[in-house]
Amino acid sequence: MTSPSIGTAVPDFELASTGAKTVKFSDYRGQFVLLYFYPKDNTPGCTTEGQAFRDAIGQFTSLNTVILGVSRDSVKMHEGFKCKHEFPFDLLSDPEEQLCNLFDVIKQKNMYGKQVRGIERSTFLLDPNGMLVHEWRKVKVKTHCDEVLATIRQLKQAD
């Protein structure tokens, strides 16, 4: 399956999630969906990124935006990570890399001098009709949340 490109519809997907749920993309029609892919629960960059989204949840909510975090970690690991940091959004478990492959976020990365296959920190913004409207690849955590909020505000102004 080809990765969605800007302006194309994202196919429906379904993944296990925190809160003992199965999240289905089509359940979010009518809202912006922010899908952020991160390498691993409880690592410094992933924690900082999640905390930034957590701290800005009111702004995202006011912009009719749902946040969903995605990694290959298990739902059980996600539950601990979500609870520890009080994330007010769901974390999706993608151990078979279904969604990771759809969005082409699995890359060869250097870790401690070794090549490893892992998630490249990436974020995708889907509009209320299920279209991909923006993507961020090789995300820099420090400014990312603000960049995402600014983009959503611009898109809403253009409506």
Protein backbone atom coordinates (compact mmCIF):
# COMPACT_ATOMS: atom_id res chain seq x y z
CA MET A 1 0.00 0.00 0.00
CA THR A 2 1.30 3.45 -0.91
CA SER A 3 1.76 6.00 1.84
CA PRO A 4 -0.81 8.76 1.80
CA SER A 5 0.42 12.04 0.38
CA ILE A 6 -0.75 15.55 1.20
CA GLY A 7 -4.30 16.05 -0.06
CA THR A 8 -5.20 12.35 -0.22
CA ALA A 9 -7.54 10.33 1.95
CA VAL A 10 -6.04 8.16 4.66
CA PRO A 11 -7.49 4.64 4.63
CA ASP A 12 -9.42 3.56 7.69
CA PHE A 13 -7.34 1.73 10.29
CA GLU A 14 -7.95 0.03 13.59
CA LEU A 15 -5.45 -0.54 16.41
CA ALA A 16 -5.45 -1.58 20.06
CA SER A 17 -5.22 1.39 22.38
CA THR A 18 -4.89 2.43 25.97
CA GLY A 19 -8.12 2.33 27.94
CA ALA A 20 -8.82 -1.24 26.77
CA LYS A 21 -10.15 0.13 23.47
CA THR A 22 -9.75 -0.46 19.82
CA VAL A 23 -9.33 2.86 18.04
CA LYS A 24 -10.81 3.13 14.58
CA PHE A 25 -9.80 6.13 12.47
CA SER A 26 -13.28 6.56 10.98
CA ASP A 27 -14.67 7.18 14.50
CA TYR A 28 -12.96 10.58 14.41
CA ARG A 29 -14.60 11.95 11.26
CA GLY A 30 -15.52 15.57 11.83
CA GLN A 31 -12.37 16.28 13.86
CA PHE A 32 -8.74 16.93 13.06
CA VAL A 33 -6.61 13.94 14.04
CA LEU A 34 -3.00 14.41 15.03
CA LEU A 35 -1.13 11.11 14.67
CA TYR A 36 2.29 11.27 16.21
CA PHE A 37 4.70 8.37 15.83
CA TYR A 38 7.43 8.02 18.41
CA PRO A 39 10.17 5.41 18.92
CA LYS A 40 9.67 4.12 22.48
CA ASP A 41 7.75 4.70 25.71
CA ASN A 42 9.65 6.16 28.66
CA THR A 43 12.60 7.49 26.69
CA PRO A 44 13.64 11.15 27.11
CA GLY A 45 12.58 12.55 23.72
CA CYS A 46 9.34 10.58 23.61
CA THR A 47 8.45 11.65 27.13
CA THR A 48 9.16 15.32 26.38
CA GLU A 49 7.09 15.17 23.19
CA GLY A 50 4.13 13.56 24.95
CA GLN A 51 4.32 16.06 27.81
CA ALA A 52 4.26 18.99 25.36
CA PHE A 53 1.10 17.63 23.73
CA ARG A 54 -0.37 16.95 27.20
CA ASP A 55 0.35 20.48 28.38
CA ALA A 56 -1.30 21.97 25.28
CA ILE A 57 -4.35 19.68 25.28
CA GLY A 58 -6.72 22.58 25.95
CA GLN A 59 -5.51 24.36 22.83
CA PHE A 60 -5.85 21.20 20.73
CA THR A 61 -9.34 20.56 22.08
CA SER A 62 -10.41 24.13 21.27
CA LEU A 63 -9.17 23.51 17.72
CA ASN A 64 -11.31 20.34 17.41
CA THR A 65 -8.19 18.16 17.32
CA VAL A 66 -7.76 14.65 18.72
CA ILE A 67 -4.23 13.49 19.54
CA LEU A 68 -3.18 9.85 19.08
CA GLY A 69 0.33 8.65 19.87
CA VAL A 70 1.65 5.57 18.04
CA SER A 71 4.60 3.28 18.71
CA ARG A 72 5.41 -0.41 18.49
CA ASP A 73 5.25 -0.81 22.28
CA SER A 74 2.55 -3.01 23.83
CA VAL A 75 -0.71 -1.63 25.20
CA LYS A 76 0.48 -2.67 28.66
CA MET A 77 3.64 -0.53 28.28
CA HIS A 78 1.54 2.31 26.90
CA GLU A 79 -0.80 2.15 29.91
CA GLY A 80 2.12 2.65 32.31
CA PHE A 81 3.61 5.46 30.20
CA LYS A 82 0.26 7.23 29.84
CA CYS A 83 -0.52 6.93 33.56
CA LYS A 84 2.94 8.02 34.72
CA HIS A 85 2.81 11.21 32.65
CA GLU A 86 -0.97 11.80 32.83
CA PHE A 87 -1.42 11.90 29.06
CA PRO A 88 -5.03 12.87 28.28
CA PHE A 89 -4.93 11.14 24.89
CA ASP A 90 -4.75 7.55 23.73
CA LEU A 91 -1.59 5.70 22.76
CA LEU A 92 -1.94 3.11 20.00
CA SER A 93 0.04 -0.12 19.90
CA ASP A 94 1.38 -1.08 16.47
CA PRO A 95 3.63 -4.13 17.05
CA GLU A 96 2.93 -5.48 13.54
CA GLU A 97 3.82 -2.05 12.11
CA GLN A 98 0.55 -1.78 10.19
CA LEU A 99 0.21 1.98 10.67
CA CYS A 100 3.98 2.55 10.78
CA ASN A 101 4.28 0.99 7.32
CA LEU A 102 1.27 2.89 5.98
CA PHE A 103 2.92 6.17 6.93
CA ASP A 104 6.44 4.96 6.06
CA VAL A 105 7.98 5.86 9.43
CA ILE A 106 10.13 2.73 9.91
CA LYS A 107 13.70 3.68 9.02
CA GLN A 108 17.26 2.46 9.52
CA LYS A 109 18.71 4.53 12.33
CA ASN A 110 22.07 4.76 14.07
CA MET A 111 21.90 3.89 17.74
CA TYR A 112 25.13 3.78 19.71
CA GLY A 113 27.06 3.14 16.50
CA LYS A 114 24.81 0.30 15.30
CA GLN A 115 22.22 0.28 12.55
CA VAL A 116 18.76 -0.49 13.93
CA ARG A 117 15.33 -0.50 12.40
CA GLY A 118 13.01 1.85 14.25
CA ILE A 119 10.39 4.57 14.13
CA GLU A 120 11.53 7.93 12.83
CA ARG A 121 9.75 10.54 14.96
CA SER A 122 7.02 11.82 12.62
CA THR A 123 3.64 13.53 12.92
CA PHE A 124 0.70 13.62 10.53
CA LEU A 125 -2.31 15.92 10.59
CA LEU A 126 -5.55 14.58 9.14
CA ASP A 127 -8.46 16.91 8.51
CA PRO A 128 -12.10 16.31 9.56
CA ASN A 129 -12.74 14.54 6.24
CA GLY A 130 -9.89 12.07 6.72
CA MET A 131 -7.46 13.75 4.32
CA LEU A 132 -3.76 14.12 5.08
CA VAL A 133 -3.18 17.88 5.23
CA HIS A 134 0.29 18.17 6.79
CA GLU A 135 3.23 16.02 7.81
CA TRP A 136 6.35 16.55 9.85
CA ARG A 137 9.25 14.13 9.44
CA LYS A 138 12.44 13.93 11.51
CA VAL A 139 10.65 15.92 14.21
CA LYS A 140 12.64 18.11 16.59
CA VAL A 141 10.81 17.74 19.90
CA LYS A 142 11.62 21.15 21.39
CA THR A 143 9.51 23.27 18.99
CA HIS A 144 7.24 20.63 17.52
CA CYS A 145 4.06 21.16 19.54
CA ASP A 146 4.04 24.90 18.79
CA GLU A 147 4.58 24.21 15.07
CA VAL A 148 1.65 21.81 15.01
CA LEU A 149 -0.67 24.24 16.80
CA ALA A 150 0.31 27.06 14.41
CA THR A 151 -0.42 24.83 11.41
CA ILE A 152 -3.86 23.82 12.71
CA ARG A 153 -4.72 27.46 13.40
CA GLN A 154 -3.72 28.42 9.83
CA LEU A 155 -5.82 25.62 8.38
CA LYS A 156 -8.84 26.61 10.44
CA GLN A 157 -8.48 30.26 9.37
CA ALA A 158 -8.44 29.17 5.74
CA ASP A 159 -11.81 27.39 6.18
